[in-house]
């Protein structure tokens, strides 16, 4: 699992597909997520481009694409159960999968230890 400075995580599902969500830290900062605006399947994204929106009881937050690619699928469960982002942000609360345009972009992301160090 790799992380961004904007608190997204990426996990490779296979050589060309990555699963993306928000970190536990981001979820804790947001508070209780009550709505997820999922991206459109087939949409192309560049690194850092807004991909989704999370609405919590505290605020709304953008979710940015950590790498370039095309939206392959979205977590439809979040339409009816957005609280999956609260209970399992780094597993069941994943937001979308992306077909990678350039897998080498993953090399620029932080591993978990680097990410956790960046929070302090």
Protein backbone atom coordinates (compact mmCIF):
# COMPACT_ATOMS: atom_id res chain seq x y z
CA UNK A 1 0.00 0.00 0.00
CA UNK A 2 1.30 3.46 -0.94
CA UNK A 3 0.12 6.85 0.35
CA UNK A 4 -0.06 10.47 -0.82
CA UNK A 5 0.46 13.75 1.02
CA UNK A 6 -3.28 14.38 0.50
CA UNK A 7 -4.09 11.17 2.44
CA UNK A 8 -5.18 8.80 -0.33
CA UNK A 9 -3.90 5.24 -0.44
CA UNK A 10 -3.22 3.03 -3.45
CA UNK A 11 -2.89 -0.72 -3.56
CA UNK A 12 -2.07 -2.66 -6.70
CA UNK A 13 -4.68 -5.27 -7.53
CA UNK A 14 -2.60 -6.48 -10.49
CA UNK A 15 -0.02 -4.96 -12.83
CA UNK A 16 -2.40 -2.39 -14.30
CA UNK A 17 -5.27 -1.94 -11.82
CA UNK A 18 -4.98 0.01 -8.55
CA UNK A 19 -7.52 0.25 -5.73
CA UNK A 20 -7.81 3.72 -4.18
CA UNK A 21 -9.30 5.07 -0.97
CA UNK A 22 -8.53 7.42 1.90
CA UNK A 23 -6.24 6.76 4.85
CA UNK A 24 -7.43 6.08 8.37
CA UNK A 25 -5.92 9.44 9.36
CA UNK A 26 -7.99 11.25 6.72
CA UNK A 27 -11.13 9.50 7.91
CA UNK A 28 -10.41 10.50 11.52
CA UNK A 29 -9.95 14.13 10.44
CA UNK A 30 -13.18 14.11 8.43
CA UNK A 31 -15.31 12.47 11.06
CA UNK A 32 -18.41 10.49 10.21
CA UNK A 33 -18.75 10.19 6.41
CA UNK A 34 -22.42 10.35 5.44
CA UNK A 35 -22.25 10.60 1.64
CA UNK A 36 -19.79 9.64 -1.10
CA UNK A 37 -19.92 11.20 -4.56
CA UNK A 38 -18.31 8.49 -6.67
CA UNK A 39 -16.43 9.21 -9.90
CA UNK A 40 -17.76 8.18 -13.29
CA UNK A 41 -16.50 4.86 -14.67
CA UNK A 42 -14.44 5.49 -17.80
CA UNK A 43 -13.30 8.96 -16.75
CA UNK A 44 -9.61 9.68 -17.31
CA UNK A 45 -7.70 11.28 -14.45
CA UNK A 46 -4.30 12.89 -14.07
CA UNK A 47 -2.21 12.81 -10.90
CA UNK A 48 -3.76 15.15 -8.34
CA UNK A 49 -7.05 15.58 -10.19
CA UNK A 50 -10.25 15.50 -8.12
CA UNK A 51 -11.82 12.06 -8.40
CA UNK A 52 -14.53 11.88 -5.72
CA UNK A 53 -16.09 13.87 -2.88
CA UNK A 54 -16.69 12.70 0.67
CA UNK A 55 -19.24 14.51 2.79
CA UNK A 56 -19.08 14.15 6.55
CA UNK A 57 -20.96 15.70 9.42
CA UNK A 58 -18.00 18.13 9.73
CA UNK A 59 -17.12 19.02 6.13
CA UNK A 60 -16.82 17.95 2.52
CA UNK A 61 -13.45 16.76 1.22
CA UNK A 62 -12.14 16.03 -2.22
CA UNK A 63 -10.44 12.73 -2.98
CA UNK A 64 -7.62 13.16 -5.49
CA UNK A 65 -6.23 10.61 -7.89
CA UNK A 66 -2.76 9.59 -6.67
CA UNK A 67 -1.79 8.36 -10.15
CA UNK A 68 -2.91 8.84 -13.75
CA UNK A 69 -5.36 6.48 -15.36
CA UNK A 70 -8.94 5.62 -16.20
CA UNK A 71 -11.67 4.81 -13.66
CA UNK A 72 -12.23 1.07 -14.01
CA UNK A 73 -14.86 0.60 -11.28
CA UNK A 74 -16.36 2.28 -8.21
CA UNK A 75 -17.38 0.88 -4.84
CA UNK A 76 -21.16 0.81 -5.37
CA UNK A 77 -21.63 -0.24 -1.73
CA UNK A 78 -20.79 3.33 -0.73
CA UNK A 79 -24.03 4.56 -2.36
CA UNK A 80 -26.08 2.84 0.33
CA UNK A 81 -23.46 2.34 3.05
CA UNK A 82 -21.10 5.36 3.06
CA UNK A 83 -20.16 4.49 6.64
CA UNK A 84 -17.84 1.78 5.23
CA UNK A 85 -15.38 4.66 4.81
CA UNK A 86 -15.62 5.19 8.59
CA UNK A 87 -15.37 1.58 9.72
CA UNK A 88 -12.86 0.33 7.14
CA UNK A 89 -11.22 3.22 5.23
CA UNK A 90 -8.23 1.14 4.14
CA UNK A 91 -10.15 -1.98 3.08
CA UNK A 92 -13.95 -2.25 2.57
CA UNK A 93 -14.29 1.53 2.25
CA UNK A 94 -12.21 1.71 -0.94
CA UNK A 95 -13.60 4.29 -3.36
CA UNK A 96 -12.56 3.37 -6.91
CA UNK A 97 -10.21 1.34 -9.04
CA UNK A 98 -8.03 2.88 -11.70
CA UNK A 99 -6.46 1.37 -14.80
CA UNK A 100 -2.96 2.82 -14.55
CA UNK A 101 -1.67 4.96 -17.41
CA UNK A 102 1.90 4.85 -16.03
CA UNK A 103 2.67 2.31 -13.27
CA UNK A 104 6.02 4.06 -12.64
CA UNK A 105 4.09 6.93 -10.99
CA UNK A 106 3.62 4.66 -7.97
CA UNK A 107 7.34 4.96 -7.20
CA UNK A 108 6.88 8.61 -6.17
CA UNK A 109 4.33 7.74 -3.45
CA UNK A 110 5.13 7.11 0.23
CA UNK A 111 5.15 3.73 1.93
CA UNK A 112 3.23 3.41 5.20
CA UNK A 113 6.19 4.33 7.45
CA UNK A 114 6.99 7.44 5.41
CA UNK A 115 3.34 8.43 5.43
CA UNK A 116 2.93 7.99 9.19
CA UNK A 117 6.14 9.98 9.77
CA UNK A 118 4.78 12.79 7.59
CA UNK A 119 1.79 13.18 9.92
CA UNK A 120 3.81 14.28 12.94
